[in-house]
Amino acid sequence: MVVSTSWYPDTDDVRCQQMGEVATLTREAGHYMALVDGSKNPDVAAFLKACGTLVFAQREPGMASSRREAFAHAKEILLELPHIHQGRRIVFWTEEKPYIVEKIPAIIEPLLCGSAEACIAKRSQSSFRTWPWFQAESEQGANAAYNEATGRNSDPMHGPVAVLIEFADVLINCYPERYGVLPFAAGYIQHFALMEMMASGCIVADSEPLDVIYPPLQKMKEETALLDAMLEKRRQQKEELSESYRIAARTLGINSTT
């Protein structure tokens, strides 16, 4: 089951349109999708529902809360489904990335074959050239901090992850601030939930490098009208996540020698 969240101001928002595309492509691919909506505009939920996703109203404020709620809904729905994909119930988190839907089979393969309990979707190096320059720079910097702290070669900043339903409670009960993660970074609970899984002995795989292209219209807006806001967001994201990865790895007992 694909899960995500929304908070868009209106249905004309580029990211809202992209989420609608994710929902449509997910439905056409034969997957279920559930989304927690925190928008104050009821048209957003109606639009996304029409695109084919289940929509649940967000109950508690904040990015972390919305993601925990999304994972909780996914668990509840998946456990009730009579038919499951190749004997596995899988929660697949993504942001509004339409290109990722066709990559789902490759990302969940380690879970289907029983070689891992979770998988991080990894971009190819050439894919970074399609990202906004400042975002490629900040995300590669944060990835480097993550990999130094964990001894991995992962791409958590890409976003999408797949987790077996048996470990959904790790996502649902992930509160990274409890072990010192900085407030801004704590919203990215899928990053830290998978670190918690690593610390408990679970196998977290990386997908094969995926050739993907950043959504062109979103890129254009972020490099023009939204540039100042995006530069600040990516700066804060890189700084707080980098430090929080180090804090989490140290506190959870993960280090570069394991």
Protein backbone atom coordinates (compact mmCIF):
# COMPACT_ATOMS: atom_id res chain seq x y z
CA MET A 1 0.00 0.00 0.00
CA VAL A 2 1.30 3.41 -1.01
CA VAL A 3 0.97 6.04 1.72
CA SER A 4 1.58 9.77 1.83
CA THR A 5 0.35 13.06 3.26
CA SER A 6 -0.94 16.34 1.85
CA TRP A 7 -1.25 19.91 3.09
CA TYR A 8 -1.63 21.86 -0.16
CA PRO A 9 -3.35 25.27 -0.23
CA ASP A 10 -5.44 24.47 -3.31
CA THR A 11 -5.77 22.03 -6.18
CA ASP A 12 -3.80 24.26 -8.56
CA ASP A 13 -0.67 23.82 -6.45
CA VAL A 14 1.99 22.00 -8.48
CA ARG A 15 2.65 19.47 -5.73
CA CYS A 16 -1.07 18.80 -5.33
CA GLN A 17 -1.33 18.05 -9.04
CA GLN A 18 1.67 15.73 -8.76
CA MET A 19 0.11 13.91 -5.81
CA GLY A 20 -3.01 13.46 -7.90
CA GLU A 21 -0.84 11.91 -10.58
CA VAL A 22 0.75 9.60 -7.99
CA ALA A 23 -2.73 8.48 -6.93
CA THR A 24 -3.86 7.87 -10.51
CA LEU A 25 -0.72 5.95 -11.46
CA THR A 26 -0.90 3.93 -8.25
CA ARG A 27 -4.48 2.92 -8.97
CA GLU A 28 -3.63 2.03 -12.57
CA ALA A 29 -0.72 -0.11 -11.36
CA GLY A 30 -3.07 -2.10 -9.14
CA HIS A 31 -1.83 -0.83 -5.79
CA TYR A 32 -3.87 0.57 -2.93
CA MET A 33 -3.15 4.08 -1.66
CA ALA A 34 -4.02 5.95 1.53
CA LEU A 35 -3.28 9.58 2.29
CA VAL A 36 -3.62 11.78 5.37
CA ASP A 37 -4.73 15.29 4.42
CA GLY A 38 -4.01 18.33 6.56
CA SER A 39 -5.15 20.95 4.07
CA LYS A 40 -7.64 23.57 5.20
CA ASN A 41 -9.14 23.53 1.71
CA PRO A 42 -11.75 20.74 1.32
CA ASP A 43 -11.26 20.82 -2.45
CA VAL A 44 -7.83 19.24 -1.98
CA ALA A 45 -9.18 16.11 -0.30
CA ALA A 46 -11.99 15.86 -2.87
CA PHE A 47 -9.53 16.16 -5.75
CA LEU A 48 -7.16 13.53 -4.39
CA LYS A 49 -10.02 11.17 -3.60
CA ALA A 50 -11.25 11.52 -7.18
CA CYS A 51 -7.77 10.55 -8.36
CA GLY A 52 -8.09 7.21 -6.63
CA THR A 53 -6.65 7.42 -3.13
CA LEU A 54 -8.31 6.90 0.22
CA VAL A 55 -8.17 10.20 2.11
CA PHE A 56 -8.17 10.56 5.89
CA ALA A 57 -8.36 13.89 7.71
CA GLN A 58 -5.28 14.68 9.77
CA ARG A 59 -6.06 14.57 13.50
CA GLU A 60 -2.92 15.96 15.14
CA PRO A 61 -0.86 18.90 13.81
CA GLY A 62 2.63 18.58 12.41
CA MET A 63 4.50 16.66 9.74
CA ALA A 64 5.57 13.83 12.03
CA SER A 65 2.02 13.32 13.30
CA SER A 66 0.60 13.20 9.78
CA ARG A 67 3.10 10.53 8.78
CA ARG A 68 2.46 8.42 11.87
CA GLU A 69 -1.27 8.64 11.14
CA ALA A 70 -0.70 7.62 7.51
CA PHE A 71 1.27 4.56 8.57
CA ALA A 72 -1.41 3.65 11.12
CA HIS A 73 -4.15 3.80 8.48
CA ALA A 74 -2.04 1.71 6.12
CA LYS A 75 -1.53 -0.98 8.75
CA GLU A 76 -5.22 -1.13 9.57
CA ILE A 77 -6.23 -1.40 5.92
CA LEU A 78 -3.53 -3.88 4.92
CA LEU A 79 -4.40 -6.26 7.73
CA GLU A 80 -8.00 -6.38 6.49
CA LEU A 81 -7.19 -7.04 2.82
CA PRO A 82 -8.10 -10.55 1.68
CA HIS A 83 -5.62 -10.50 -1.20
CA ILE A 84 -2.02 -9.43 -0.77
CA HIS A 85 0.89 -9.00 -3.16
CA GLN A 86 2.93 -12.20 -3.45
CA GLY A 87 2.18 -13.08 0.16
CA ARG A 88 3.62 -9.84 1.55
CA ARG A 89 1.89 -6.81 3.01
CA ILE A 90 4.09 -3.78 2.38
CA VAL A 91 3.83 -0.13 3.36
CA PHE A 92 5.40 2.10 0.70
CA TRP A 93 5.99 5.73 1.67
CA THR A 94 6.50 8.44 -0.93
CA GLU A 95 6.08 12.16 -1.34
CA GLU A 96 4.49 13.62 -4.48
CA LYS A 97 6.87 11.88 -6.90
CA PRO A 98 4.91 10.52 -9.89
CA TYR A 99 8.02 8.92 -11.35
CA ILE A 100 8.35 6.57 -8.38
CA VAL A 101 5.24 4.49 -9.07
CA GLU A 102 6.79 2.54 -11.94
CA LYS A 103 9.83 1.91 -9.74
CA ILE A 104 7.86 0.29 -6.92
CA PRO A 105 8.48 -3.31 -8.10
CA ALA A 106 12.25 -2.76 -8.05
CA ILE A 107 12.16 -1.10 -4.62
CA ILE A 108 10.05 -3.76 -2.92
CA GLU A 109 11.94 -6.69 -4.48
CA PRO A 110 14.19 -7.26 -1.42
CA LEU A 111 11.05 -7.50 0.74
CA LEU A 112 9.27 -9.87 -1.63
CA CYS A 113 12.21 -12.25 -1.82
CA GLY A 114 12.69 -12.23 1.95
CA SER A 115 16.17 -10.70 2.01
CA ALA A 116 15.17 -7.54 3.90
CA GLU A 117 12.51 -6.07 6.17
CA ALA A 118 12.76 -2.59 4.67
CA CYS A 119 14.27 -0.88 1.64
CA ILE A 120 15.46 2.67 0.92
CA ALA A 121 14.91 3.90 -2.65
CA LYS A 122 18.24 5.06 -4.03
CA ARG A 123 18.81 7.45 -6.93
CA SER A 124 21.53 6.96 -9.52
CA GLN A 125 24.24 9.62 -9.53
CA SER A 126 23.08 10.86 -12.93
CA SER A 127 19.61 11.48 -11.49
CA PHE A 128 20.95 14.19 -9.19
CA ARG A 129 21.70 16.32 -12.26
CA THR A 130 17.95 16.70 -12.82
CA TRP A 131 17.33 18.02 -9.28
CA PRO A 132 17.43 21.75 -8.45
CA TRP A 133 21.12 22.51 -7.98
CA PHE A 134 20.76 23.62 -4.37
CA GLN A 135 18.67 20.58 -3.45
CA ALA A 136 21.09 18.15 -5.06
CA GLU A 137 23.88 19.78 -3.07
CA SER A 138 22.04 19.77 0.26
CA GLU A 139 20.69 16.24 -0.11
CA GLN A 140 24.05 14.79 -1.05
CA GLY A 141 25.54 16.53 1.97
CA ALA A 142 22.91 15.11 4.32
CA ASN A 143 23.28 11.68 2.74
CA ALA A 144 27.02 11.84 3.40
CA ALA A 145 26.37 12.57 7.09
CA TYR A 146 23.90 9.68 7.29
CA ASN A 147 26.28 7.26 5.64
CA GLU A 148 29.20 8.35 7.80
CA ALA A 149 27.08 7.83 10.92
CA THR A 150 25.68 4.45 9.88
CA GLY A 151 28.40 2.93 7.71
CA ARG A 152 26.00 2.63 4.79
CA ASN A 153 25.84 3.89 1.22
CA SER A 154 22.21 4.96 1.20
CA ASP A 155 20.07 7.79 -0.14
CA PRO A 156 17.58 8.55 2.65
CA MET A 157 17.10 12.09 1.35
CA HIS A 158 15.40 10.72 -1.75
CA GLY A 159 12.40 9.96 0.44
CA PRO A 160 10.60 6.77 -0.63
CA VAL A 161 10.94 3.69 1.57
CA ALA A 162 9.24 0.29 1.73
CA VAL A 163 8.60 -1.57 5.00
CA LEU A 164 6.96 -4.90 5.75
CA ILE A 165 3.67 -4.49 7.61
CA GLU A 166 5.10 -6.54 10.49
CA PHE A 167 7.27 -3.51 11.29
CA ALA A 168 4.63 -0.82 10.79
CA ASP A 169 4.53 -0.18 14.52
CA VAL A 170 8.10 1.09 14.37
CA LEU A 171 6.88 3.80 12.00
CA ILE A 172 3.69 4.47 13.93
CA ASN A 173 5.53 4.83 17.24
CA CYS A 174 8.56 6.72 15.96
CA TYR A 175 9.25 9.85 18.03
CA PRO A 176 12.87 10.76 17.19
CA GLU A 177 12.87 13.71 19.57
CA ARG A 178 12.88 11.19 22.43
CA TYR A 179 16.51 10.39 21.67
CA GLY A 180 17.65 13.91 20.95
CA VAL A 181 16.84 14.44 17.27
CA LEU A 182 16.36 18.13 16.48
CA PRO A 183 12.76 19.40 16.10
CA PHE A 184 12.81 20.10 12.35
CA ALA A 185 14.49 16.78 11.57
CA ALA A 186 12.09 14.81 13.76
CA GLY A 187 9.38 15.29 11.15
CA TYR A 188 11.17 12.91 8.80
CA ILE A 189 10.17 9.88 10.81
CA GLN A 190 10.75 7.32 8.06
CA HIS A 191 14.48 8.14 8.18
CA PHE A 192 14.71 7.48 11.89
CA ALA A 193 12.28 4.57 12.05
CA LEU A 194 14.53 2.66 9.67
CA MET A 195 17.52 3.53 11.85
CA GLU A 196 15.60 2.07 14.78
CA MET A 197 15.02 -1.07 12.72
CA MET A 198 18.75 -1.30 11.96
CA ALA A 199 19.55 -0.97 15.65
CA SER A 200 17.19 -3.84 16.48
CA GLY A 201 18.88 -6.14 13.96
CA CYS A 202 16.52 -5.81 11.01
CA ILE A 203 17.94 -5.88 7.51
CA VAL A 204 17.39 -2.58 5.72
CA ALA A 205 18.33 -2.84 2.06
CA ASP A 206 19.01 -0.20 -0.58
CA SER A 207 17.37 -0.45 -3.96
CA GLU A 208 19.48 -0.70 -7.06
CA PRO A 209 20.29 2.85 -8.26
CA LEU A 210 17.20 4.24 -9.95
CA ASP A 211 17.33 6.52 -12.98
CA VAL A 212 14.70 9.15 -12.23
CA ILE A 213 13.95 12.73 -13.26
CA TYR A 214 12.84 15.51 -10.90
CA PRO A 215 9.38 16.83 -11.87
CA PRO A 216 10.19 19.66 -14.36
CA LEU A 217 7.40 22.08 -13.41
CA GLN A 218 8.18 21.77 -9.71
CA LYS A 219 11.85 22.36 -10.47
CA MET A 220 11.08 25.49 -12.49
CA LYS A 221 9.00 27.00 -9.68
CA GLU A 222 11.55 26.15 -7.01
CA GLU A 223 14.38 27.70 -8.99
CA THR A 224 12.44 30.93 -9.69
CA ALA A 225 9.47 32.18 -7.67
CA LEU A 226 10.16 29.97 -4.65
CA LEU A 227 13.95 30.21 -4.75
CA ASP A 228 14.59 32.13 -1.52
CA ALA A 229 12.23 29.95 0.51
CA MET A 230 13.67 26.77 -0.95
CA LEU A 231 17.27 27.82 -0.32
CA GLU A 232 16.44 28.35 3.36
CA LYS A 233 14.48 25.10 3.61
CA ARG A 234 17.29 23.04 2.08
CA ARG A 235 19.90 24.74 4.28
CA GLN A 236 17.93 23.95 7.42
CA GLN A 237 17.16 20.45 6.19
CA LYS A 238 20.82 19.66 5.54
CA GLU A 239 22.09 21.11 8.81
CA GLU A 240 19.47 19.64 11.15
CA LEU A 241 19.19 16.25 9.51
CA SER A 242 22.97 15.83 9.30
CA GLU A 243 23.37 16.53 13.00
CA SER A 244 20.32 14.43 13.87
CA TYR A 245 21.61 11.42 11.96
CA ARG A 246 24.75 11.56 14.09
CA ILE A 247 22.72 11.92 17.28
CA ALA A 248 20.40 9.04 16.37
CA ALA A 249 23.21 6.71 15.31
CA ARG A 250 25.11 7.39 18.52
CA THR A 251 22.07 7.00 20.77
CA LEU A 252 20.71 3.92 19.02
CA GLY A 253 24.10 2.24 18.95
CA ILE A 254 24.58 2.33 15.19
CA ASN A 255 28.03 3.30 13.96
CA SER A 256 30.21 3.22 10.88
CA THR A 257 31.94 0.02 11.90
CA THR A 258 28.75 -2.06 11.82
